[in-house]
Amino acid sequence: MPLTRDFKDTVKARAERDPDFRRALVTEASEHLLDGDFATAKAILRDYINATIGFDELGRAVGTPPKSLMRMLGPRGNPQANSLLPVIAFIRRREHLCDHGSD
């Protein structure tokens, strides 16, 4: 079932004002990924990206075209680890969820 515009707007509004919510989205996506629930992980990552940084800025940050990122994290996307891990690492650094410095 596709998400409604109201839901996406609600996620965006909450992400803009609540850093704990943003960090929870990233943590939850990572946990789903590690548990093998790729569809849920990708959906949460898409919600996070759309609500925060956007695909254009993320693409510049990780050196991947935005359209490739959108396809990769789409419902039918099947990203390889060497494509997905830089995205997650960047987002984790952005939300101060790791001790590593920026690249």
N, C-alpha and C. Protein backbone atom coordinates (compact mmCIF):
# COMPACT_ATOMS: atom_id res chain seq x y z
N MET A 1 0.86 -1.17 0.00
CA MET A 1 0.00 0.00 0.00
C MET A 1 0.90 1.24 0.00
N PRO A 2 0.72 2.14 -0.95
CA PRO A 2 1.53 3.36 -0.97
C PRO A 2 1.19 4.26 0.21
N LEU A 3 2.20 5.00 0.65
CA LEU A 3 1.98 5.93 1.75
C LEU A 3 1.24 7.15 1.25
N THR A 4 0.41 7.68 2.10
CA THR A 4 -0.34 8.88 1.72
C THR A 4 0.53 10.11 1.88
N ARG A 5 0.16 11.17 1.22
CA ARG A 5 0.88 12.44 1.33
C ARG A 5 0.85 12.91 2.79
N ASP A 6 -0.26 12.73 3.48
CA ASP A 6 -0.35 13.16 4.88
C ASP A 6 0.70 12.46 5.73
N PHE A 7 0.88 11.16 5.51
CA PHE A 7 1.86 10.41 6.28
C PHE A 7 3.26 10.94 6.00
N LYS A 8 3.60 11.12 4.74
CA LYS A 8 4.93 11.64 4.37
C LYS A 8 5.15 13.03 4.96
N ASP A 9 4.14 13.87 4.92
CA ASP A 9 4.26 15.21 5.50
C ASP A 9 4.45 15.14 7.01
N THR A 10 3.77 14.20 7.66
CA THR A 10 3.90 14.02 9.10
C THR A 10 5.31 13.58 9.46
N VAL A 11 5.86 12.62 8.70
CA VAL A 11 7.22 12.15 8.95
C VAL A 11 8.20 13.29 8.75
N LYS A 12 8.04 14.07 7.68
CA LYS A 12 8.93 15.19 7.40
C LYS A 12 8.88 16.23 8.52
N ALA A 13 7.68 16.59 8.94
CA ALA A 13 7.54 17.59 10.00
C ALA A 13 8.19 17.11 11.30
N ARG A 14 7.98 15.86 11.63
CA ARG A 14 8.57 15.33 12.87
C ARG A 14 10.08 15.25 12.75
N ALA A 15 10.59 14.82 11.60
CA ALA A 15 12.04 14.73 11.40
C ALA A 15 12.71 16.09 11.48
N GLU A 16 12.02 17.12 11.01
CA GLU A 16 12.59 18.47 11.05
C GLU A 16 12.76 18.98 12.47
N ARG A 17 11.88 18.58 13.36
CA ARG A 17 11.92 19.15 14.71
C ARG A 17 12.46 18.21 15.78
N ASP A 18 12.66 16.93 15.44
CA ASP A 18 12.98 15.96 16.47
C ASP A 18 14.20 15.10 16.08
N PRO A 19 15.39 15.47 16.54
CA PRO A 19 16.59 14.68 16.21
C PRO A 19 16.52 13.24 16.72
N ASP A 20 15.86 13.02 17.85
CA ASP A 20 15.73 11.65 18.36
C ASP A 20 14.91 10.79 17.41
N PHE A 21 13.89 11.37 16.79
CA PHE A 21 13.07 10.65 15.82
C PHE A 21 13.92 10.28 14.60
N ARG A 22 14.75 11.22 14.12
CA ARG A 22 15.61 10.94 12.96
C ARG A 22 16.56 9.80 13.29
N ARG A 23 17.18 9.87 14.46
CA ARG A 23 18.12 8.82 14.86
C ARG A 23 17.41 7.47 15.01
N ALA A 24 16.19 7.50 15.51
CA ALA A 24 15.42 6.26 15.65
C ALA A 24 15.13 5.64 14.29
N LEU A 25 14.82 6.47 13.29
CA LEU A 25 14.59 5.96 11.94
C LEU A 25 15.83 5.25 11.41
N VAL A 26 16.98 5.89 11.59
CA VAL A 26 18.23 5.32 11.09
C VAL A 26 18.56 4.02 11.82
N THR A 27 18.40 4.02 13.13
CA THR A 27 18.67 2.83 13.92
C THR A 27 17.73 1.69 13.53
N GLU A 28 16.45 2.01 13.37
CA GLU A 28 15.48 0.98 12.99
C GLU A 28 15.79 0.42 11.60
N ALA A 29 16.14 1.27 10.66
CA ALA A 29 16.50 0.80 9.32
C ALA A 29 17.70 -0.14 9.39
N SER A 30 18.71 0.24 10.18
CA SER A 30 19.90 -0.59 10.32
C SER A 30 19.57 -1.95 10.93
N GLU A 31 18.72 -1.96 11.94
CA GLU A 31 18.33 -3.21 12.58
C GLU A 31 17.56 -4.12 11.61
N HIS A 32 16.65 -3.54 10.85
CA HIS A 32 15.92 -4.34 9.86
C HIS A 32 16.87 -4.91 8.82
N LEU A 33 17.83 -4.13 8.40
CA LEU A 33 18.82 -4.59 7.43
C LEU A 33 19.59 -5.78 7.98
N LEU A 34 20.07 -5.66 9.22
CA LEU A 34 20.83 -6.74 9.83
C LEU A 34 19.97 -7.98 10.08
N ASP A 35 18.66 -7.79 10.26
CA ASP A 35 17.75 -8.92 10.45
C ASP A 35 17.30 -9.55 9.14
N GLY A 36 17.74 -8.98 8.01
CA GLY A 36 17.38 -9.53 6.70
C GLY A 36 16.06 -9.02 6.15
N ASP A 37 15.46 -8.04 6.78
CA ASP A 37 14.20 -7.45 6.31
C ASP A 37 14.54 -6.23 5.44
N PHE A 38 14.99 -6.52 4.22
CA PHE A 38 15.48 -5.47 3.33
C PHE A 38 14.39 -4.52 2.87
N ALA A 39 13.20 -5.05 2.64
CA ALA A 39 12.10 -4.19 2.16
C ALA A 39 11.77 -3.11 3.19
N THR A 40 11.67 -3.49 4.45
CA THR A 40 11.37 -2.52 5.50
C THR A 40 12.53 -1.54 5.68
N ALA A 41 13.75 -2.05 5.67
CA ALA A 41 14.93 -1.19 5.82
C ALA A 41 14.96 -0.14 4.72
N LYS A 42 14.74 -0.55 3.48
CA LYS A 42 14.76 0.40 2.36
C LYS A 42 13.65 1.42 2.48
N ALA A 43 12.48 0.98 2.89
CA ALA A 43 11.35 1.91 3.03
C ALA A 43 11.64 2.97 4.10
N ILE A 44 12.22 2.55 5.22
CA ILE A 44 12.54 3.50 6.29
C ILE A 44 13.63 4.45 5.82
N LEU A 45 14.64 3.94 5.14
CA LEU A 45 15.70 4.80 4.62
C LEU A 45 15.14 5.82 3.63
N ARG A 46 14.23 5.40 2.75
CA ARG A 46 13.59 6.34 1.81
C ARG A 46 12.85 7.42 2.57
N ASP A 47 12.08 7.03 3.59
CA ASP A 47 11.35 8.01 4.38
C ASP A 47 12.31 9.00 5.03
N TYR A 48 13.40 8.48 5.60
CA TYR A 48 14.39 9.35 6.24
C TYR A 48 14.98 10.32 5.22
N ILE A 49 15.42 9.81 4.10
CA ILE A 49 16.07 10.65 3.08
C ILE A 49 15.10 11.70 2.58
N ASN A 50 13.88 11.31 2.25
CA ASN A 50 12.89 12.27 1.76
C ASN A 50 12.56 13.33 2.80
N ALA A 51 12.59 12.95 4.07
CA ALA A 51 12.23 13.88 5.15
C ALA A 51 13.38 14.77 5.58
N THR A 52 14.59 14.42 5.18
CA THR A 52 15.74 15.17 5.68
C THR A 52 16.61 15.70 4.55
N ILE A 53 17.59 14.96 4.16
CA ILE A 53 18.64 15.42 3.27
C ILE A 53 18.21 15.51 1.81
N GLY A 54 17.35 14.62 1.37
CA GLY A 54 16.96 14.56 -0.03
C GLY A 54 17.97 13.76 -0.84
N PHE A 55 17.51 13.20 -1.95
CA PHE A 55 18.36 12.34 -2.77
C PHE A 55 19.44 13.10 -3.52
N ASP A 56 19.20 14.35 -3.88
CA ASP A 56 20.22 15.12 -4.59
C ASP A 56 21.45 15.35 -3.71
N GLU A 57 21.22 15.85 -2.49
CA GLU A 57 22.33 16.11 -1.59
C GLU A 57 23.02 14.82 -1.17
N LEU A 58 22.25 13.77 -0.92
CA LEU A 58 22.84 12.48 -0.56
C LEU A 58 23.71 11.96 -1.69
N GLY A 59 23.22 12.09 -2.92
CA GLY A 59 24.00 11.65 -4.08
C GLY A 59 25.34 12.35 -4.16
N ARG A 60 25.33 13.66 -3.94
CA ARG A 60 26.60 14.41 -3.94
C ARG A 60 27.52 13.93 -2.82
N ALA A 61 26.95 13.66 -1.67
CA ALA A 61 27.75 13.27 -0.51
C ALA A 61 28.41 11.91 -0.67
N VAL A 62 27.71 10.98 -1.32
CA VAL A 62 28.25 9.61 -1.44
C VAL A 62 28.78 9.29 -2.83
N GLY A 63 28.67 10.25 -3.76
CA GLY A 63 29.20 10.04 -5.10
C GLY A 63 28.39 9.09 -5.95
N THR A 64 27.08 9.08 -5.75
CA THR A 64 26.18 8.22 -6.51
C THR A 64 25.06 9.09 -7.07
N PRO A 65 24.72 8.91 -8.35
CA PRO A 65 23.64 9.72 -8.91
C PRO A 65 22.34 9.53 -8.12
N PRO A 66 21.60 10.63 -7.90
CA PRO A 66 20.35 10.54 -7.14
C PRO A 66 19.37 9.52 -7.70
N LYS A 67 19.26 9.44 -9.01
CA LYS A 67 18.31 8.47 -9.59
C LYS A 67 18.72 7.04 -9.26
N SER A 68 20.02 6.79 -9.22
CA SER A 68 20.50 5.45 -8.85
C SER A 68 20.15 5.14 -7.40
N LEU A 69 20.29 6.14 -6.53
CA LEU A 69 19.91 5.94 -5.13
C LEU A 69 18.42 5.66 -5.00
N MET A 70 17.61 6.40 -5.76
CA MET A 70 16.16 6.19 -5.71
C MET A 70 15.80 4.78 -6.16
N ARG A 71 16.42 4.33 -7.25
CA ARG A 71 16.15 2.96 -7.73
C ARG A 71 16.62 1.93 -6.71
N MET A 72 17.81 2.15 -6.19
CA MET A 72 18.42 1.22 -5.24
C MET A 72 17.52 1.03 -4.01
N LEU A 73 16.93 2.12 -3.53
CA LEU A 73 16.11 2.05 -2.32
C LEU A 73 14.62 1.91 -2.62
N GLY A 74 14.30 1.76 -3.90
CA GLY A 74 12.91 1.54 -4.29
C GLY A 74 12.45 0.14 -3.93
N PRO A 75 11.15 -0.12 -4.02
CA PRO A 75 10.61 -1.42 -3.64
C PRO A 75 11.24 -2.59 -4.40
N ARG A 76 11.63 -2.37 -5.65
CA ARG A 76 12.23 -3.45 -6.43
C ARG A 76 13.75 -3.38 -6.46
N GLY A 77 14.32 -2.40 -5.77
CA GLY A 77 15.77 -2.25 -5.75
C GLY A 77 16.45 -3.38 -5.00
N ASN A 78 17.64 -3.72 -5.48
CA ASN A 78 18.42 -4.79 -4.85
C ASN A 78 19.87 -4.30 -4.72
N PRO A 79 20.11 -3.37 -3.79
CA PRO A 79 21.43 -2.75 -3.72
C PRO A 79 22.50 -3.72 -3.25
N GLN A 80 23.70 -3.53 -3.79
CA GLN A 80 24.85 -4.27 -3.32
C GLN A 80 25.40 -3.56 -2.09
N ALA A 81 26.11 -4.30 -1.28
CA ALA A 81 26.67 -3.73 -0.05
C ALA A 81 27.57 -2.54 -0.35
N ASN A 82 28.36 -2.60 -1.43
CA ASN A 82 29.27 -1.50 -1.72
C ASN A 82 28.54 -0.24 -2.16
N SER A 83 27.25 -0.34 -2.47
CA SER A 83 26.44 0.83 -2.78
C SER A 83 25.65 1.31 -1.57
N LEU A 84 25.17 0.38 -0.78
CA LEU A 84 24.30 0.71 0.33
C LEU A 84 25.07 1.17 1.58
N LEU A 85 26.19 0.53 1.86
CA LEU A 85 26.91 0.85 3.10
C LEU A 85 27.42 2.29 3.15
N PRO A 86 27.91 2.88 2.06
CA PRO A 86 28.29 4.30 2.14
C PRO A 86 27.11 5.21 2.46
N VAL A 87 25.93 4.86 1.99
CA VAL A 87 24.72 5.64 2.28
C VAL A 87 24.43 5.58 3.78
N ILE A 88 24.44 4.37 4.31
CA ILE A 88 24.14 4.21 5.74
C ILE A 88 25.22 4.87 6.59
N ALA A 89 26.48 4.72 6.20
CA ALA A 89 27.58 5.34 6.96
C ALA A 89 27.43 6.86 6.96
N PHE A 90 27.11 7.45 5.82
CA PHE A 90 26.95 8.90 5.76
C PHE A 90 25.80 9.36 6.65
N ILE A 91 24.68 8.65 6.57
CA ILE A 91 23.51 9.02 7.37
C ILE A 91 23.82 8.87 8.86
N ARG A 92 24.50 7.80 9.23
CA ARG A 92 24.86 7.61 10.64
C ARG A 92 25.77 8.72 11.14
N ARG A 93 26.75 9.12 10.31
CA ARG A 93 27.62 10.24 10.70
C ARG A 93 26.81 11.52 10.82
N ARG A 94 25.90 11.74 9.88
CA ARG A 94 25.08 12.95 9.86
C ARG A 94 24.25 13.06 11.14
N GLU A 95 23.78 11.93 11.64
CA GLU A 95 22.94 11.91 12.84
C GLU A 95 23.75 11.63 14.10
N HIS A 96 25.08 11.64 13.99
CA HIS A 96 25.96 11.46 15.13
C HIS A 96 25.70 10.13 15.84
N LEU A 97 25.54 9.08 15.03
CA LEU A 97 25.30 7.75 15.58
C LEU A 97 26.56 6.88 15.60
N CYS A 98 27.68 7.44 15.21
CA CYS A 98 28.93 6.69 15.24
C CYS A 98 30.06 7.60 15.68
N ASP A 99 31.14 6.98 16.07
CA ASP A 99 32.29 7.72 16.58
C ASP A 99 33.27 8.10 15.49
N HIS A 100 33.06 7.62 14.27
CA HIS A 100 33.99 7.86 13.18
C HIS A 100 33.86 9.29 12.68
N GLY A 101 34.99 9.87 12.30
CA GLY A 101 34.98 11.21 11.72
C GLY A 101 34.42 11.19 10.32
N SER A 102 34.15 12.34 9.76
CA SER A 102 33.64 12.41 8.40
C SER A 102 34.76 12.17 7.41
N ASP A 103 34.39 11.64 6.26
CA ASP A 103 35.38 11.32 5.21
C ASP A 103 35.70 12.54 4.40
